[in-house]
């Protein structure tokens, strides 16, 4: 039986999430194992928690983390397959969500309403899988041709919205040839495609939020950060 190290050595992907007054870190160790650490509402840091790897073996791709409503969702990649670990009163086992997702991945959590986006094959296409509080929906193609970092936010999404326009309140950000784009399903979005947000010379990482319908996008250009926003 292998011994779980008490102090992980990270040599791969890391992710951070801020929600409900808490900060959560996730990281992949040099051996492909998932670890988690968090700071509570009182500002106290907890020790690293070892979450291991799926039964198929060590993780070797990017990860993403989101927390909301007392839940934590960590998405991790192994050989193009998406795996999910959930905390909801305790850590659940690994869930296999298929793929293939061959590039960046992002996850958003609105009190149990989950959206996962990733770059899939054939590249450079974007796909989204989501949980509507009753069942997981299959991977949905969001179009191409995009590259670089993804970001997703569903803070203004409608709970249990499964018909008609099921992604109202969801925003996805990506890049194409150093230009920024947003895909959304609200009334101000331009049809069903990706809305141009400026460029070229922009790139990841990206940060995105749409709380209360006020959308904010932060991107990078060289050594500078740029911010764009839309009022409700």
Protein backbone atom coordinates (compact mmCIF):
# COMPACT_ATOMS: atom_id res chain seq x y z
CA UNK A 1 0.00 0.00 0.00
CA UNK A 2 1.36 3.43 -0.99
CA UNK A 3 1.72 6.16 1.60
CA UNK A 4 -0.15 9.43 1.08
CA UNK A 5 2.34 12.33 1.35
CA UNK A 6 1.59 14.93 4.01
CA UNK A 7 3.00 17.80 1.94
CA UNK A 8 2.20 17.55 -1.81
CA UNK A 9 4.67 18.65 -4.48
CA UNK A 10 2.79 20.38 -7.29
CA UNK A 11 4.14 20.18 -10.83
CA UNK A 12 0.96 20.44 -12.89
CA UNK A 13 -2.39 22.28 -12.97
CA UNK A 14 -3.77 24.47 -10.20
CA UNK A 15 -7.16 26.22 -9.79
CA UNK A 16 -8.80 28.65 -7.37
CA UNK A 17 -12.41 29.54 -6.51
CA UNK A 18 -13.92 32.26 -4.33
CA UNK A 19 -17.51 31.95 -3.18
CA UNK A 20 -19.64 32.27 -0.05
CA UNK A 21 -16.74 34.09 1.64
CA UNK A 22 -14.46 31.08 1.22
CA UNK A 23 -11.33 30.51 -0.88
CA UNK A 24 -10.68 27.06 -2.35
CA UNK A 25 -7.50 25.78 -4.02
CA UNK A 26 -7.08 22.60 -6.04
CA UNK A 27 -3.84 21.24 -7.44
CA UNK A 28 -2.43 18.23 -9.27
CA UNK A 29 0.74 16.84 -7.73
CA UNK A 30 3.78 15.66 -9.64
CA UNK A 31 2.37 12.11 -9.42
CA UNK A 32 -0.99 13.08 -10.94
CA UNK A 33 -2.97 13.15 -7.68
CA UNK A 34 -5.64 15.72 -6.78
CA UNK A 35 -5.33 17.85 -3.61
CA UNK A 36 -7.63 20.47 -2.08
CA UNK A 37 -7.17 23.22 0.49
CA UNK A 38 -9.53 25.96 1.63
CA UNK A 39 -9.92 29.04 3.84
CA UNK A 40 -13.15 29.33 5.83
CA UNK A 41 -15.29 32.39 6.54
CA UNK A 42 -13.24 33.15 9.67
CA UNK A 43 -10.06 33.44 7.60
CA UNK A 44 -8.55 30.18 8.84
CA UNK A 45 -6.67 27.92 6.43
CA UNK A 46 -7.26 24.16 6.60
CA UNK A 47 -4.64 21.53 5.80
CA UNK A 48 -4.34 19.97 2.36
CA UNK A 49 -6.86 17.18 1.71
CA UNK A 50 -5.75 14.28 -0.46
CA UNK A 51 -8.39 13.41 -3.10
CA UNK A 52 -6.33 10.98 -5.18
CA UNK A 53 -6.97 10.06 -8.81
CA UNK A 54 -9.73 8.21 -10.67
CA UNK A 55 -9.57 4.39 -10.89
CA UNK A 56 -8.18 4.64 -14.42
CA UNK A 57 -4.97 6.27 -13.17
CA UNK A 58 -3.10 9.52 -12.64
CA UNK A 59 -4.47 12.85 -13.85
CA UNK A 60 -2.52 14.59 -16.60
CA UNK A 61 -4.61 17.52 -17.80
CA UNK A 62 -5.94 20.88 -16.62
CA UNK A 63 -8.33 21.24 -13.67
CA UNK A 64 -11.00 23.73 -12.57
CA UNK A 65 -12.84 24.33 -9.30
CA UNK A 66 -16.05 26.09 -8.23
CA UNK A 67 -17.87 26.38 -4.90
CA UNK A 68 -21.34 27.63 -4.04
CA UNK A 69 -24.07 26.87 -1.54
CA UNK A 70 -21.85 24.63 0.57
CA UNK A 71 -20.86 22.49 -2.41
CA UNK A 72 -17.46 22.16 -4.13
CA UNK A 73 -16.98 20.86 -7.67
CA UNK A 74 -13.52 19.99 -9.02
CA UNK A 75 -13.13 19.00 -12.67
CA UNK A 76 -9.95 17.20 -13.75
CA UNK A 77 -8.73 15.63 -17.00
CA UNK A 78 -7.05 12.29 -17.70
CA UNK A 79 -6.18 11.43 -21.31
CA UNK A 80 -9.00 13.60 -22.69
CA UNK A 81 -11.65 12.25 -20.28
CA UNK A 82 -13.40 14.59 -17.83
CA UNK A 83 -13.63 13.49 -14.18
CA UNK A 84 -15.54 15.24 -11.40
CA UNK A 85 -15.27 15.19 -7.61
CA UNK A 86 -18.01 16.77 -5.54
CA UNK A 87 -18.10 17.86 -1.91
CA UNK A 88 -21.62 18.02 -0.46
CA UNK A 89 -21.35 17.29 3.25
CA UNK A 90 -18.47 14.94 2.40
CA UNK A 91 -16.37 14.06 -0.63
CA UNK A 92 -18.11 11.85 -3.19
CA UNK A 93 -16.24 9.38 -5.37
CA UNK A 94 -14.94 10.08 -8.86
CA UNK A 95 -17.53 10.60 -11.63
CA UNK A 96 -16.56 9.89 -15.26
CA UNK A 97 -18.10 12.46 -17.63
CA UNK A 98 -16.49 11.33 -20.85
CA UNK A 99 -15.12 13.63 -23.51
CA UNK A 100 -12.77 13.90 -25.18
CA UNK A 101 -11.73 17.27 -23.81
CA UNK A 102 -8.29 17.99 -25.18
CA UNK A 103 -7.57 21.47 -23.83
CA UNK A 104 -8.62 23.98 -21.18
CA UNK A 105 -11.59 23.23 -18.94
CA UNK A 106 -13.75 25.44 -16.71
CA UNK A 107 -16.62 24.86 -14.28
CA UNK A 108 -19.31 27.06 -12.69
CA UNK A 109 -21.58 26.26 -9.75
CA UNK A 110 -24.71 28.18 -8.79
CA UNK A 111 -26.01 26.41 -5.72
CA UNK A 112 -25.98 23.03 -7.45
CA UNK A 113 -26.61 24.21 -11.03
CA UNK A 114 -23.38 23.05 -12.72
CA UNK A 115 -21.88 23.97 -16.11
CA UNK A 116 -18.64 22.40 -17.41
CA UNK A 117 -17.00 23.71 -20.60
CA UNK A 118 -13.90 22.46 -22.39
CA UNK A 119 -12.03 22.41 -25.68
CA UNK A 120 -12.76 19.15 -27.45
CA UNK A 121 -11.79 17.09 -30.44
CA UNK A 122 -11.58 17.94 -33.24
CA UNK A 123 -9.84 21.07 -31.99
CA UNK A 124 -10.64 23.93 -31.69
CA UNK A 125 -14.29 23.28 -30.77
CA UNK A 126 -15.95 24.21 -27.46
CA UNK A 127 -18.33 21.84 -25.68
CA UNK A 128 -20.53 22.25 -22.60
CA UNK A 129 -22.10 19.69 -20.24
CA UNK A 130 -24.49 20.76 -17.51
CA UNK A 131 -26.48 19.58 -14.50
CA UNK A 132 -29.95 21.14 -14.18
CA UNK A 133 -30.48 20.04 -10.56
CA UNK A 134 -32.17 16.83 -11.68
CA UNK A 135 -29.99 15.20 -14.39
CA UNK A 136 -26.79 15.61 -16.40
CA UNK A 137 -27.23 16.79 -19.99
CA UNK A 138 -24.91 15.50 -22.73
CA UNK A 139 -21.98 17.41 -24.19
CA UNK A 140 -23.36 20.26 -26.31
CA UNK A 141 -21.33 21.75 -29.15
CA UNK A 142 -20.90 25.54 -28.73
CA UNK A 143 -19.03 26.15 -31.98
CA UNK A 144 -15.54 26.96 -33.16
CA UNK A 145 -12.94 28.08 -34.02
CA UNK A 146 -11.46 29.14 -30.72
CA UNK A 147 -8.28 28.60 -28.76
CA UNK A 148 -6.55 29.43 -25.49
CA UNK A 149 -8.20 29.72 -22.05
CA UNK A 150 -11.88 29.19 -21.27
CA UNK A 151 -14.00 30.81 -18.56
CA UNK A 152 -17.63 30.17 -17.61
CA UNK A 153 -20.07 31.77 -15.18
CA UNK A 154 -23.69 30.84 -14.39
CA UNK A 155 -24.37 33.02 -11.34
CA UNK A 156 -27.43 34.56 -13.04
CA UNK A 157 -28.72 31.30 -14.56
CA UNK A 158 -32.25 30.01 -14.05
CA UNK A 159 -32.59 26.94 -11.82
CA UNK A 160 -34.42 23.93 -13.30
CA UNK A 161 -34.56 25.67 -16.69
CA UNK A 162 -34.61 22.67 -19.04
CA UNK A 163 -36.63 23.78 -22.08
CA UNK A 164 -36.78 26.68 -24.48
CA UNK A 165 -33.61 28.60 -23.65
CA UNK A 166 -31.95 26.41 -20.99
CA UNK A 167 -28.74 28.47 -20.81
CA UNK A 168 -30.17 31.90 -20.05
CA UNK A 169 -27.81 33.58 -17.58
CA UNK A 170 -24.81 31.44 -18.62
CA UNK A 171 -21.74 33.13 -20.15
CA UNK A 172 -18.68 31.44 -21.71
CA UNK A 173 -15.50 33.32 -22.66
CA UNK A 174 -12.75 32.15 -25.03
CA UNK A 175 -10.21 33.50 -27.48
CA UNK A 176 -9.55 33.19 -31.20
CA UNK A 177 -6.37 34.54 -32.78
CA UNK A 178 -5.77 36.76 -29.73
CA UNK A 179 -9.27 38.24 -29.81
CA UNK A 180 -11.78 37.80 -26.98
CA UNK A 181 -15.26 36.35 -27.49
CA UNK A 182 -18.28 35.66 -25.28
CA UNK A 183 -21.05 33.15 -25.92
CA UNK A 184 -24.32 33.71 -24.08
CA UNK A 185 -28.05 33.08 -24.43
CA UNK A 186 -29.56 36.27 -23.02
CA UNK A 187 -31.64 38.74 -25.02
CA UNK A 188 -28.70 41.09 -25.61
CA UNK A 189 -26.54 38.36 -27.17
CA UNK A 190 -26.12 38.26 -30.94
CA UNK A 191 -28.02 35.19 -32.01
CA UNK A 192 -26.46 31.82 -31.30
CA UNK A 193 -22.82 32.65 -32.06
CA UNK A 194 -19.79 34.08 -30.32
CA UNK A 195 -19.84 37.85 -29.67
CA UNK A 196 -16.59 39.70 -30.43
CA UNK A 197 -15.18 41.55 -27.39
CA UNK A 198 -12.05 43.11 -28.85
CA UNK A 199 -8.58 42.26 -30.06
CA UNK A 200 -6.14 41.27 -31.30
CA UNK A 201 -3.32 40.90 -28.73
CA UNK A 202 -5.52 39.52 -25.94
CA UNK A 203 -5.13 36.14 -24.27
CA UNK A 204 -5.67 34.08 -21.15
CA UNK A 205 -6.07 33.53 -18.38
CA UNK A 206 -9.56 35.02 -18.35
CA UNK A 207 -11.97 35.82 -15.51
CA UNK A 208 -15.72 36.12 -16.05
CA UNK A 209 -18.74 36.86 -13.87
CA UNK A 210 -22.35 37.82 -14.58
CA UNK A 211 -23.82 38.26 -11.11
CA UNK A 212 -27.27 39.93 -11.16
CA UNK A 213 -26.95 40.32 -14.93
CA UNK A 214 -23.90 42.62 -14.73
CA UNK A 215 -21.28 40.93 -16.90
CA UNK A 216 -17.55 41.47 -16.29
CA UNK A 217 -14.70 40.06 -18.39
CA UNK A 218 -10.99 40.39 -17.53
CA UNK A 219 -8.30 39.37 -20.04
CA UNK A 220 -4.56 39.80 -20.43
CA UNK A 221 -2.43 41.56 -23.03
CA UNK A 222 1.34 41.33 -22.61
CA UNK A 223 1.92 42.37 -18.97
CA UNK A 224 -1.36 44.27 -18.57
CA UNK A 225 -4.91 43.30 -17.56
CA UNK A 226 -7.95 44.65 -19.38
CA UNK A 227 -11.52 44.81 -18.10
CA UNK A 228 -14.78 45.06 -20.02
CA UNK A 229 -18.28 45.05 -18.57
CA UNK A 230 -21.94 45.35 -19.45
CA UNK A 231 -24.60 46.80 -17.16
CA UNK A 232 -27.81 44.81 -16.47
